[in-house]
Amino acid sequence: MYHAIYRKPTVPLSIRAASNVTDTRNGAHNMDEKMIRKPEEYKGYKTVTDPEKFSIPWQPFYASGVSKTAALQSRFTHHLGLKYGDHPSQILDLYLPSEVSSSTTTIIFLHGGAFREGHPGQYGYIGEPYLAAGAAYISASYRMAPDAFYPDQVEDVAVLVRWLYTQLAAHGLNRHRLIFMGHSSGALMLALAAVRADWQERTGVPVDIIDTIVIAGANFDHLEDSPTNLVRDASRREEGTVVCNIQRVPRRVVIVFATDERNTGDGRRFARSGKQLGARLADKGAEVSIVELDTDHQGTCKSLCDPYGPVVRALLATI
């Protein structure tokens, strides 16, 4: 099944107020202080220090994300800096709704950043509409260049999923009620893992554990041009291209892109590759929805938490 979503609703979502908010801030588990990553690290990112190389300003985006995430933490119970792997970047922030039960859905978000920047504490705010509607939310990070290159991204998703499958119950959450979201590089690594069937068995999770994915603002075709932060070995470009390695398909896929997604380079590559991937997944039996927007690269990220927008409304209908 393959259909498109374009309309922006005129009526806002009904959001429930949160209660019993506590802060259960969790450190990095005795990690060397110099290795602990912090949300404020964005001030040293390439997008911030070299703004002339980008068509949109990134410093305000990150500063706003950190501020809005701090505000969210004052309203919802949260556990910060939980380690799902051994690398300092394999961390996640977990946010809980006011009520948790075995039917609670967990939304897992993987941030963007061209595989070189990003922190969970810059994207907690993405979870606000889902938390208010009764879902749990996880903002996760992963290894990045120069410490990791393809296929390390797939491995990080596998390690993260194993943590979810073995640890969510300790927080009262259902390990089978999961929705995965990613933006930009986070969307690409999620898509790469979601269409493969060669890591689940060795990780000890069901092959269909990635059932629903929302992938926004990513270029999924790297046959012609692969970013050096993703694939260091040019001979593995085909392997690192999602449409060339579809071994399985998630049951439900939402692909979000802008018609001309301004940031760097050809802004129309996101739409081209997103439509191509959507058609290929639909041919193999996935239920695919396309959300095409008139915005820039930051806008496709923000669409994931827009209470008026089609992505949030579609997901809340399932949780």
C-alpha atoms as a PDB file:
ATOM      1  CA  MET A   1       0.000   0.000   0.000  1.00  0.00           C
ATOM      2  CA  TYR A   2       1.402   3.387  -0.957  1.00  0.00           C
ATOM      3  CA  HIS A   3      -0.248   6.706  -0.235  1.00  0.00           C
ATOM      4  CA  ALA A   4       0.665  10.313   0.417  1.00  0.00           C
ATOM      5  CA  ILE A   5      -0.102  12.699   3.259  1.00  0.00           C
ATOM      6  CA  TYR A   6       0.048  16.400   2.475  1.00  0.00           C
ATOM      7  CA  ARG A   7      -2.641  18.334   4.315  1.00  0.00           C
ATOM      8  CA  LYS A   8      -1.914  20.315   7.452  1.00  0.00           C
ATOM      9  CA  PRO A   9      -4.766  20.001   9.989  1.00  0.00           C
ATOM     10  CA  THR A  10      -6.495  23.184  11.135  1.00  0.00           C
ATOM     11  CA  VAL A  11      -7.408  21.841  14.582  1.00  0.00           C
ATOM     12  CA  PRO A  12      -4.649  21.254  17.165  1.00  0.00           C
ATOM     13  CA  LEU A  13      -4.244  17.964  18.945  1.00  0.00           C
ATOM     14  CA  SER A  14      -5.782  17.461  22.346  1.00  0.00           C
ATOM     15  CA  ILE A  15      -2.842  17.309  24.751  1.00  0.00           C
ATOM     16  CA  ARG A  16      -3.187  15.910  28.272  1.00  0.00           C
ATOM     17  CA  ALA A  17      -1.436  17.769  31.055  1.00  0.00           C
ATOM     18  CA  ALA A  18       1.393  15.945  32.800  1.00  0.00           C
ATOM     19  CA  SER A  19       1.518  15.328  36.537  1.00  0.00           C
ATOM     20  CA  ASN A  20       3.866  13.901  39.151  1.00  0.00           C
ATOM     21  CA  VAL A  21       6.943  15.207  37.376  1.00  0.00           C
ATOM     22  CA  THR A  22      10.275  14.202  38.869  1.00  0.00           C
ATOM     23  CA  ASP A  23      13.839  14.519  37.669  1.00  0.00           C
ATOM     24  CA  THR A  24      15.816  11.288  37.905  1.00  0.00           C
ATOM     25  CA  ARG A  25      18.885  12.624  36.158  1.00  0.00           C
ATOM     26  CA  ASN A  26      21.326   9.799  35.557  1.00  0.00           C
ATOM     27  CA  GLY A  27      25.020  10.381  34.989  1.00  0.00           C
ATOM     28  CA  ALA A  28      27.340   8.420  32.763  1.00  0.00           C
ATOM     29  CA  HIS A  29      27.907   5.557  35.201  1.00  0.00           C
ATOM     30  CA  ASN A  30      31.395   6.351  36.475  1.00  0.00           C
ATOM     31  CA  MET A  31      32.651   7.310  33.020  1.00  0.00           C
ATOM     32  CA  ASP A  32      35.734   9.542  32.970  1.00  0.00           C
ATOM     33  CA  GLU A  33      34.503  13.141  33.278  1.00  0.00           C
ATOM     34  CA  LYS A  34      36.414  14.123  30.122  1.00  0.00           C
ATOM     35  CA  MET A  35      34.480  11.514  28.139  1.00  0.00           C
ATOM     36  CA  ILE A  36      31.004  12.564  29.275  1.00  0.00           C
ATOM     37  CA  ARG A  37      29.195  14.237  26.411  1.00  0.00           C
ATOM     38  CA  LYS A  38      26.929  17.194  27.112  1.00  0.00           C
ATOM     39  CA  PRO A  39      24.185  18.912  25.081  1.00  0.00           C
ATOM     40  CA  GLU A  40      26.102  22.207  25.071  1.00  0.00           C
ATOM     41  CA  GLU A  41      28.832  20.643  22.932  1.00  0.00           C
ATOM     42  CA  TYR A  42      26.996  21.973  19.862  1.00  0.00           C
ATOM     43  CA  LYS A  43      28.971  25.213  20.220  1.00  0.00           C
ATOM     44  CA  GLY A  44      31.933  23.391  18.683  1.00  0.00           C
ATOM     45  CA  TYR A  45      30.052  21.721  15.831  1.00  0.00           C
ATOM     46  CA  LYS A  46      31.104  22.420  12.255  1.00  0.00           C
ATOM     47  CA  THR A  47      27.613  23.669  11.453  1.00  0.00           C
ATOM     48  CA  VAL A  48      28.027  26.299  14.177  1.00  0.00           C
ATOM     49  CA  THR A  49      31.693  27.239  13.777  1.00  0.00           C
ATOM     50  CA  ASP A  50      31.549  27.342   9.942  1.00  0.00           C
ATOM     51  CA  PRO A  51      28.062  28.739   9.260  1.00  0.00           C
ATOM     52  CA  GLU A  52      29.008  30.090   5.841  1.00  0.00           C
ATOM     53  CA  LYS A  53      29.144  26.502   4.527  1.00  0.00           C
ATOM     54  CA  PHE A  54      25.432  25.990   5.145  1.00  0.00           C
ATOM     55  CA  SER A  55      22.402  27.695   3.660  1.00  0.00           C
ATOM     56  CA  ILE A  56      20.539  27.746   6.983  1.00  0.00           C
ATOM     57  CA  PRO A  57      21.835  28.799  10.440  1.00  0.00           C
ATOM     58  CA  TRP A  58      22.343  25.932  12.880  1.00  0.00           C
ATOM     59  CA  GLN A  59      23.378  27.682  16.103  1.00  0.00           C
ATOM     60  CA  PRO A  60      19.817  28.883  16.855  1.00  0.00           C
ATOM     61  CA  PHE A  61      18.450  25.409  16.044  1.00  0.00           C
ATOM     62  CA  TYR A  62      20.698  23.714  18.582  1.00  0.00           C
ATOM     63  CA  ALA A  63      20.333  26.420  21.229  1.00  0.00           C
ATOM     64  CA  SER A  64      16.555  26.240  20.934  1.00  0.00           C
ATOM     65  CA  GLY A  65      16.619  22.445  21.111  1.00  0.00           C
ATOM     66  CA  VAL A  66      18.639  22.458  24.339  1.00  0.00           C
ATOM     67  CA  SER A  67      16.342  25.099  25.862  1.00  0.00           C
ATOM     68  CA  LYS A  68      13.116  23.337  24.882  1.00  0.00           C
ATOM     69  CA  THR A  69      14.492  20.010  26.102  1.00  0.00           C
ATOM     70  CA  ALA A  70      15.331  21.531  29.498  1.00  0.00           C
ATOM     71  CA  ALA A  71      11.769  22.826  29.730  1.00  0.00           C
ATOM     72  CA  LEU A  72      10.428  19.371  28.899  1.00  0.00           C
ATOM     73  CA  GLN A  73      12.533  17.856  31.659  1.00  0.00           C
ATOM     74  CA  SER A  74      10.786  20.069  34.192  1.00  0.00           C
ATOM     75  CA  ARG A  75       7.478  18.426  33.270  1.00  0.00           C
ATOM     76  CA  PHE A  76       8.208  14.732  32.745  1.00  0.00           C
ATOM     77  CA  THR A  77      10.020  12.035  34.671  1.00  0.00           C
ATOM     78  CA  HIS A  78      13.275  11.310  32.889  1.00  0.00           C
ATOM     79  CA  HIS A  79      16.494   9.297  33.034  1.00  0.00           C
ATOM     80  CA  LEU A  80      19.423  10.973  31.286  1.00  0.00           C
ATOM     81  CA  GLY A  81      22.639   9.517  29.925  1.00  0.00           C
ATOM     82  CA  LEU A  82      21.634   5.868  30.126  1.00  0.00           C
ATOM     83  CA  LYS A  83      24.306   3.722  28.471  1.00  0.00           C
ATOM     84  CA  TYR A  84      23.180   1.146  25.935  1.00  0.00           C
ATOM     85  CA  GLY A  85      26.726   0.342  24.802  1.00  0.00           C
ATOM     86  CA  ASP A  86      30.366   0.817  25.781  1.00  0.00           C
ATOM     87  CA  HIS A  87      31.178   3.877  23.645  1.00  0.00           C
ATOM     88  CA  PRO A  88      30.602   7.348  25.202  1.00  0.00           C
ATOM     89  CA  SER A  89      28.219   8.188  22.338  1.00  0.00           C
ATOM     90  CA  GLN A  90      26.079   5.087  22.849  1.00  0.00           C
ATOM     91  CA  ILE A  91      23.743   6.850  25.271  1.00  0.00           C
ATOM     92  CA  LEU A  92      20.055   7.642  25.480  1.00  0.00           C
ATOM     93  CA  ASP A  93      17.653   9.817  27.432  1.00  0.00           C
ATOM     94  CA  LEU A  94      14.412   8.169  28.528  1.00  0.00           C
ATOM     95  CA  TYR A  95      11.272  10.198  29.245  1.00  0.00           C
ATOM     96  CA  LEU A  96       8.175   8.728  30.843  1.00  0.00           C
ATOM     97  CA  PRO A  97       4.553   9.882  30.570  1.00  0.00           C
ATOM     98  CA  SER A  98       2.449  10.594  33.632  1.00  0.00           C
ATOM     99  CA  GLU A  99       1.085   7.035  33.576  1.00  0.00           C
ATOM    100  CA  VAL A 100       2.938   3.900  32.463  1.00  0.00           C
ATOM    101  CA  SER A 101       1.397   0.501  31.760  1.00  0.00           C
ATOM    102  CA  SER A 102       2.025  -2.624  29.699  1.00  0.00           C
ATOM    103  CA  SER A 103       0.174  -0.973  26.814  1.00  0.00           C
ATOM    104  CA  THR A 104       2.388   2.136  26.740  1.00  0.00           C
ATOM    105  CA  THR A 105       4.113   2.693  23.402  1.00  0.00           C
ATOM    106  CA  THR A 106       7.730   3.887  23.318  1.00  0.00           C
ATOM    107  CA  ILE A 107       8.915   6.307  20.596  1.00  0.00           C
ATOM    108  CA  ILE A 108      12.641   6.043  19.855  1.00  0.00           C
ATOM    109  CA  PHE A 109      14.345   8.945  18.043  1.00  0.00           C
ATOM    110  CA  LEU A 110      17.791   8.946  16.383  1.00  0.00           C
ATOM    111  CA  HIS A 111      19.119  12.447  15.738  1.00  0.00           C
ATOM    112  CA  GLY A 112      20.765  13.798  12.614  1.00  0.00           C
ATOM    113  CA  GLY A 113      24.096  15.592  12.250  1.00  0.00           C
ATOM    114  CA  ALA A 114      25.837  14.141   9.166  1.00  0.00           C
ATOM    115  CA  PHE A 115      27.325  11.347  11.314  1.00  0.00           C
ATOM    116  CA  ARG A 116      29.594  13.878  13.020  1.00  0.00           C
ATOM    117  CA  GLU A 117      27.427  15.790  15.516  1.00  0.00           C
ATOM    118  CA  GLY A 118      24.377  15.502  17.734  1.00  0.00           C
ATOM    119  CA  HIS A 119      23.424  14.678  21.325  1.00  0.00           C
ATOM    120  CA  PRO A 120      20.246  13.232  22.908  1.00  0.00           C
ATOM    121  CA  GLY A 121      19.899  16.342  25.082  1.00  0.00           C
ATOM    122  CA  GLN A 122      19.400  18.512  22.012  1.00  0.00           C
ATOM    123  CA  TYR A 123      16.326  16.569  20.884  1.00  0.00           C
ATOM    124  CA  GLY A 124      14.310  15.726  23.957  1.00  0.00           C
ATOM    125  CA  TYR A 125      11.670  18.249  22.886  1.00  0.00           C
ATOM    126  CA  ILE A 126      10.762  16.056  19.889  1.00  0.00           C
ATOM    127  CA  GLY A 127       8.969  13.778  22.328  1.00  0.00           C
ATOM    128  CA  GLU A 128       6.626  16.397  23.795  1.00  0.00           C
ATOM    129  CA  PRO A 129       3.425  15.606  21.841  1.00  0.00           C
ATOM    130  CA  TYR A 130       3.918  11.876  22.316  1.00  0.00           C
ATOM    131  CA  LEU A 131       4.600  12.129  26.041  1.00  0.00           C
ATOM    132  CA  ALA A 132       1.565  14.329  26.520  1.00  0.00           C
ATOM    133  CA  ALA A 133      -0.514  11.726  24.705  1.00  0.00           C
ATOM    134  CA  GLY A 134       0.701   8.939  26.989  1.00  0.00           C
ATOM    135  CA  ALA A 135       3.686   7.445  25.130  1.00  0.00           C
ATOM    136  CA  ALA A 136       7.223   7.083  26.456  1.00  0.00           C
ATOM    137  CA  TYR A 137      10.043   8.732  24.495  1.00  0.00           C
ATOM    138  CA  ILE A 138      13.717   7.974  23.969  1.00  0.00           C
ATOM    139  CA  SER A 139      16.262  10.310  22.388  1.00  0.00           C
ATOM    140  CA  ALA A 140      19.339   8.275  21.451  1.00  0.00           C
ATOM    141  CA  SER A 141      22.797   8.982  20.104  1.00  0.00           C
ATOM    142  CA  TYR A 142      25.346   6.708  18.435  1.00  0.00           C
ATOM    143  CA  ARG A 143      28.971   6.475  17.369  1.00  0.00           C
ATOM    144  CA  MET A 144      30.018   9.040  14.786  1.00  0.00           C
ATOM    145  CA  ALA A 145      32.982   9.869  12.544  1.00  0.00           C
ATOM    146  CA  PRO A 146      35.886   9.631  13.014  1.00  0.00           C
ATOM    147  CA  ASP A 147      35.176   6.811  15.486  1.00  0.00           C
ATOM    148  CA  ALA A 148      32.678   4.931  13.309  1.00  0.00           C
ATOM    149  CA  PHE A 149      31.814   4.382   9.652  1.00  0.00           C
ATOM    150  CA  TYR A 150      29.464   2.073   7.794  1.00  0.00           C
ATOM    151  CA  PRO A 151      28.493  -0.623   8.812  1.00  0.00           C
ATOM    152  CA  ASP A 152      28.959   0.597  12.390  1.00  0.00           C
ATOM    153  CA  GLN A 153      25.672   2.522  12.171  1.00  0.00           C
ATOM    154  CA  VAL A 154      23.720  -0.703  11.652  1.00  0.00           C
ATOM    155  CA  GLU A 155      25.555  -2.269  14.559  1.00  0.00           C
ATOM    156  CA  ASP A 156      24.663   0.656  16.826  1.00  0.00           C
ATOM    157  CA  VAL A 157      20.975   0.258  15.971  1.00  0.00           C
ATOM    158  CA  ALA A 158      21.289  -3.455  16.767  1.00  0.00           C
ATOM    159  CA  VAL A 159      22.911  -2.743  20.145  1.00  0.00           C
ATOM    160  CA  LEU A 160      20.284  -0.093  20.919  1.00  0.00           C
ATOM    161  CA  VAL A 161      17.435  -2.461  20.036  1.00  0.00           C
ATOM    162  CA  ARG A 162      18.942  -5.151  22.251  1.00  0.00           C
ATOM    163  CA  TRP A 163      18.956  -2.664  25.146  1.00  0.00           C
ATOM    164  CA  LEU A 164      15.318  -1.815  24.483  1.00  0.00           C
ATOM    165  CA  TYR A 165      14.356  -5.469  24.361  1.00  0.00           C
ATOM    166  CA  THR A 166      16.121  -6.337  27.617  1.00  0.00           C
ATOM    167  CA  GLN A 167      15.760  -3.143  29.674  1.00  0.00           C
ATOM    168  CA  LEU A 168      12.409  -1.475  28.935  1.00  0.00           C
ATOM    169  CA  ALA A 169      10.553  -3.808  31.249  1.00  0.00           C
ATOM    170  CA  ALA A 170      12.565  -2.427  34.172  1.00  0.00           C
ATOM    171  CA  HIS A 171      10.851   0.904  33.477  1.00  0.00           C
ATOM    172  CA  GLY A 172       7.419  -0.675  33.193  1.00  0.00           C
ATOM    173  CA  LEU A 173       7.375  -0.458  29.392  1.00  0.00           C
ATOM    174  CA  ASN A 174       6.369  -2.995  26.750  1.00  0.00           C
ATOM    175  CA  ARG A 175       9.318  -4.084  24.607  1.00  0.00           C
ATOM    176  CA  HIS A 176       6.991  -5.013  21.765  1.00  0.00           C
ATOM    177  CA  ARG A 177       5.271  -1.613  21.454  1.00  0.00           C
ATOM    178  CA  LEU A 178       7.965   0.413  19.711  1.00  0.00           C
ATOM    179  CA  ILE A 179       7.963   3.126  17.052  1.00  0.00           C
ATOM    180  CA  PHE A 180      11.306   4.239  15.631  1.00  0.00           C
ATOM    181  CA  MET A 181      11.993   7.714  14.239  1.00  0.00           C
ATOM    182  CA  GLY A 182      15.089   9.269  12.740  1.00  0.00           C
ATOM    183  CA  HIS A 183      16.132  12.493  11.065  1.00  0.00           C
ATOM    184  CA  SER A 184      18.862  12.967   8.464  1.00  0.00           C
ATOM    185  CA  SER A 185      21.775  10.644   9.322  1.00  0.00           C
ATOM    186  CA  GLY A 186      19.669   9.106  12.089  1.00  0.00           C
ATOM    187  CA  ALA A 187      16.967   8.290   9.532  1.00  0.00           C
ATOM    188  CA  LEU A 188      19.503   6.753   7.183  1.00  0.00           C
ATOM    189  CA  MET A 189      21.025   4.444   9.801  1.00  0.00           C
ATOM    190  CA  LEU A 190      17.546   3.464  10.981  1.00  0.00           C
ATOM    191  CA  ALA A 191      16.486   2.623   7.426  1.00  0.00           C
ATOM    192  CA  LEU A 192      19.676   0.625   6.828  1.00  0.00           C
ATOM    193  CA  ALA A 193      18.981  -1.498   9.903  1.00  0.00           C
ATOM    194  CA  ALA A 194      15.229  -1.774   9.374  1.00  0.00           C
ATOM    195  CA  VAL A 195      15.496  -3.435   5.953  1.00  0.00           C
ATOM    196  CA  ARG A 196      18.123  -5.973   6.984  1.00  0.00           C
ATOM    197  CA  ALA A 197      17.529  -9.384   8.541  1.00  0.00           C
ATOM    198  CA  ASP A 198      21.124 -10.345   9.350  1.00  0.00           C
ATOM    199  CA  TRP A 199      21.533  -8.826  12.831  1.00  0.00           C
ATOM    200  CA  GLN A 200      18.415  -9.718  14.827  1.00  0.00           C
ATOM    201  CA  GLU A 201      19.184 -13.364  15.596  1.00  0.00           C
ATOM    202  CA  ARG A 202      22.691 -12.709  16.878  1.00  0.00           C
ATOM    203  CA  THR A 203      21.358  -9.787  18.911  1.00  0.00           C
ATOM    204  CA  GLY A 204      18.660 -11.950  20.473  1.00  0.00           C
ATOM    205  CA  VAL A 205      15.634  -9.943  19.275  1.00  0.00           C
ATOM    206  CA  PRO A 206      12.711 -10.825  16.973  1.00  0.00           C
ATOM    207  CA  VAL A 207      13.394 -10.182  13.289  1.00  0.00           C
ATOM    208  CA  ASP A 208      10.293  -7.972  13.097  1.00  0.00           C
ATOM    209  CA  ILE A 209      11.025  -5.879  16.186  1.00  0.00           C
ATOM    210  CA  ILE A 210      11.418  -2.793  13.965  1.00  0.00           C
ATOM    211  CA  ASP A 211       7.788  -2.727  12.865  1.00  0.00           C
ATOM    212  CA  THR A 212       7.051   0.983  12.332  1.00  0.00           C
ATOM    213  CA  ILE A 213       9.567   3.607  11.254  1.00  0.00           C
ATOM    214  CA  VAL A 214       9.397   7.324  10.511  1.00  0.00           C
ATOM    215  CA  ILE A 215      12.399   8.476   8.488  1.00  0.00           C
ATOM    216  CA  ALA A 216      12.749  12.188   7.750  1.00  0.00           C
ATOM    217  CA  GLY A 217      15.153  14.402   5.828  1.00  0.00           C
ATOM    218  CA  ALA A 218      17.579  11.756   4.586  1.00  0.00           C
ATOM    219  CA  ASN A 219      19.238  10.872   1.307  1.00  0.00           C
ATOM    220  CA  PHE A 220      18.896   7.116   0.923  1.00  0.00           C
ATOM    221  CA  ASP A 221      20.790   6.752  -2.385  1.00  0.00           C
ATOM    222  CA  HIS A 222      24.583   6.722  -2.124  1.00  0.00           C
ATOM    223  CA  LEU A 223      25.505   4.861  -5.283  1.00  0.00           C
ATOM    224  CA  GLU A 224      26.784   7.995  -6.990  1.00  0.00           C
ATOM    225  CA  ASP A 225      27.908  10.117  -4.079  1.00  0.00           C
ATOM    226  CA  SER A 226      28.439   8.823  -0.568  1.00  0.00           C
ATOM    227  CA  PRO A 227      29.362  11.170   2.296  1.00  0.00           C
ATOM    228  CA  THR A 228      32.777  10.353   3.709  1.00  0.00           C
ATOM    229  CA  ASN A 229      31.312  10.481   7.217  1.00  0.00           C
ATOM    230  CA  LEU A 230      29.097   7.497   6.295  1.00  0.00           C
ATOM    231  CA  VAL A 231      31.099   5.176   4.046  1.00  0.00           C
ATOM    232  CA  ARG A 232      34.854   5.437   4.278  1.00  0.00           C
ATOM    233  CA  ASP A 233      35.416   2.601   1.797  1.00  0.00           C
ATOM    234  CA  ALA A 234      34.017   3.658  -1.606  1.00  0.00           C
ATOM    235  CA  SER A 235      33.677  -0.004  -2.618  1.00  0.00           C
ATOM    236  CA  ARG A 236      30.889  -0.354  -0.021  1.00  0.00           C
ATOM    237  CA  ARG A 237      28.639   2.397  -1.415  1.00  0.00           C
ATOM    238  CA  GLU A 238      26.152  -0.092  -2.791  1.00  0.00           C
ATOM    239  CA  GLU A 239      26.053  -1.934   0.521  1.00  0.00           C
ATOM    240  CA  GLY A 240      25.405   1.383   2.274  1.00  0.00           C
ATOM    241  CA  THR A 241      22.508   2.249  -0.037  1.00  0.00           C
ATOM    242  CA  VAL A 242      19.175   1.232   1.462  1.00  0.00           C
ATOM    243  CA  VAL A 243      17.367   0.266  -1.770  1.00  0.00           C
ATOM    244  CA  CYS A 244      20.160  -2.147  -2.704  1.00  0.00           C
ATOM    245  CA  ASN A 245      19.935  -4.200   0.489  1.00  0.00           C
ATOM    246  CA  ILE A 246      16.261  -4.832   1.249  1.00  0.00           C
ATOM    247  CA  GLN A 247      16.097  -8.207   2.994  1.00  0.00           C
ATOM    248  CA  ARG A 248      12.869  -7.464   4.867  1.00  0.00           C
ATOM    249  CA  VAL A 249      10.436  -4.562   5.161  1.00  0.00           C
ATOM    250  CA  PRO A 250       8.888  -2.957   8.227  1.00  0.00           C
ATOM    251  CA  ARG A 251       5.104  -3.237   8.359  1.00  0.00           C
ATOM    252  CA  ARG A 252       4.639   0.527   8.304  1.00  0.00           C
ATOM    253  CA  VAL A 253       6.933   3.242   6.933  1.00  0.00           C
ATOM    254  CA  VAL A 254       6.465   7.018   6.960  1.00  0.00           C
ATOM    255  CA  ILE A 255       8.939   8.926   4.770  1.00  0.00           C
ATOM    256  CA  VAL A 256       9.222  12.686   5.294  1.00  0.00           C
ATOM    257  CA  PHE A 257      11.084  15.087   3.011  1.00  0.00           C
ATOM    258  CA  ALA A 258      10.871  18.583   1.587  1.00  0.00           C
ATOM    259  CA  THR A 259      10.447  19.338  -2.101  1.00  0.00           C
ATOM    260  CA  ASP A 260      13.687  21.359  -2.004  1.00  0.00           C
ATOM    261  CA  GLU A 261      15.260  20.612   1.372  1.00  0.00           C
ATOM    262  CA  ARG A 262      17.748  23.425   1.844  1.00  0.00           C
ATOM    263  CA  ASN A 263      20.926  22.809   3.852  1.00  0.00           C
ATOM    264  CA  THR A 264      23.885  21.914   1.630  1.00  0.00           C
ATOM    265  CA  GLY A 265      24.168  20.607  -1.910  1.00  0.00           C
ATOM    266  CA  ASP A 266      21.190  19.532  -3.996  1.00  0.00           C
ATOM    267  CA  GLY A 267      18.118  19.998  -1.822  1.00  0.00           C
ATOM    268  CA  ARG A 268      15.988  17.862  -4.144  1.00  0.00           C
ATOM    269  CA  ARG A 269      17.973  14.681  -3.526  1.00  0.00           C
ATOM    270  CA  PHE A 270      15.918  13.953  -0.405  1.00  0.00           C
ATOM    271  CA  ALA A 271      12.658  13.895  -2.370  1.00  0.00           C
ATOM    272  CA  ARG A 272      14.133  11.805  -5.193  1.00  0.00           C
ATOM    273  CA  SER A 273      15.572   9.119  -2.943  1.00  0.00           C
ATOM    274  CA  GLY A 274      12.616   9.189  -0.543  1.00  0.00           C
ATOM    275  CA  LYS A 275      10.123   8.517  -3.335  1.00  0.00           C
ATOM    276  CA  GLN A 276      12.352   5.805  -4.764  1.00  0.00           C
ATOM    277  CA  LEU A 277      12.684   4.062  -1.406  1.00  0.00           C
ATOM    278  CA  GLY A 278       8.965   4.389  -0.699  1.00  0.00           C
ATOM    279  CA  ALA A 279       8.043   2.770  -4.017  1.00  0.00           C
ATOM    280  CA  ARG A 280      10.505  -0.078  -3.474  1.00  0.00           C
ATOM    281  CA  LEU A 281       9.262  -0.809   0.050  1.00  0.00           C
ATOM    282  CA  ALA A 282       5.631  -0.639  -1.075  1.00  0.00           C
ATOM    283  CA  ASP A 283       6.362  -3.125  -3.851  1.00  0.00           C
ATOM    284  CA  LYS A 284       7.618  -5.517  -1.191  1.00  0.00           C
ATOM    285  CA  GLY A 285       4.488  -5.191   0.942  1.00  0.00           C
ATOM    286  CA  ALA A 286       5.118  -2.325   3.357  1.00  0.00           C
ATOM    287  CA  GLU A 287       2.420   0.224   4.122  1.00  0.00           C
ATOM    288  CA  VAL A 288       4.154   3.415   3.014  1.00  0.00           C
ATOM    289  CA  SER A 289       3.059   6.996   3.631  1.00  0.00           C
ATOM    290  CA  ILE A 290       4.829   9.951   2.023  1.00  0.00           C
ATOM    291  CA  VAL A 291       4.859  13.370   3.707  1.00  0.00           C
ATOM    292  CA  GLU A 292       6.191  16.063   1.357  1.00  0.00           C
ATOM    293  CA  LEU A 293       6.704  19.504   2.893  1.00  0.00           C
ATOM    294  CA  ASP A 294       7.714  22.984   1.832  1.00  0.00           C
ATOM    295  CA  THR A 295      10.518  23.615   4.320  1.00  0.00           C
ATOM    296  CA  ASP A 296      14.253  23.274   4.884  1.00  0.00           C
ATOM    297  CA  HIS A 297      16.346  20.549   6.534  1.00  0.00           C
ATOM    298  CA  GLN A 298      15.557  21.767  10.032  1.00  0.00           C
ATOM    299  CA  GLY A 299      11.874  21.887   9.170  1.00  0.00           C
ATOM    300  CA  THR A 300      11.700  18.177   8.372  1.00  0.00           C
ATOM    301  CA  CYS A 301      13.065  17.503  11.862  1.00  0.00           C
ATOM    302  CA  LYS A 302      10.590  19.842  13.520  1.00  0.00           C
ATOM    303  CA  SER A 303       7.732  18.212  11.611  1.00  0.00           C
ATOM    304  CA  LEU A 304       8.234  15.148  13.787  1.00  0.00           C
ATOM    305  CA  CYS A 305       6.869  17.041  16.797  1.00  0.00           C
ATOM    306  CA  ASP A 306       4.433  19.460  15.162  1.00  0.00           C
ATOM    307  CA  PRO A 307       1.086  18.822  16.914  1.00  0.00           C
ATOM    308  CA  TYR A 308      -0.736  20.296  13.910  1.00  0.00           C
ATOM    309  CA  GLY A 309       1.176  18.209  11.382  1.00  0.00           C
ATOM    310  CA  PRO A 310       0.441  14.932   9.623  1.00  0.00           C
ATOM    311  CA  VAL A 311       3.297  12.935  11.180  1.00  0.00           C
ATOM    312  CA  VAL A 312       2.247  13.460  14.789  1.00  0.00           C
ATOM    313  CA  ARG A 313      -1.409  12.944  14.031  1.00  0.00           C
ATOM    314  CA  ALA A 314      -0.721   9.701  12.169  1.00  0.00           C
ATOM    315  CA  LEU A 315       1.455   8.305  14.956  1.00  0.00           C
ATOM    316  CA  LEU A 316      -0.873   9.293  17.774  1.00  0.00           C
ATOM    317  CA  ALA A 317      -3.637   7.397  16.005  1.00  0.00           C
ATOM    318  CA  THR A 318      -1.591   4.216  16.521  1.00  0.00           C
ATOM    319  CA  ILE A 319      -0.634   4.656  20.188  1.00  0.00           C
END
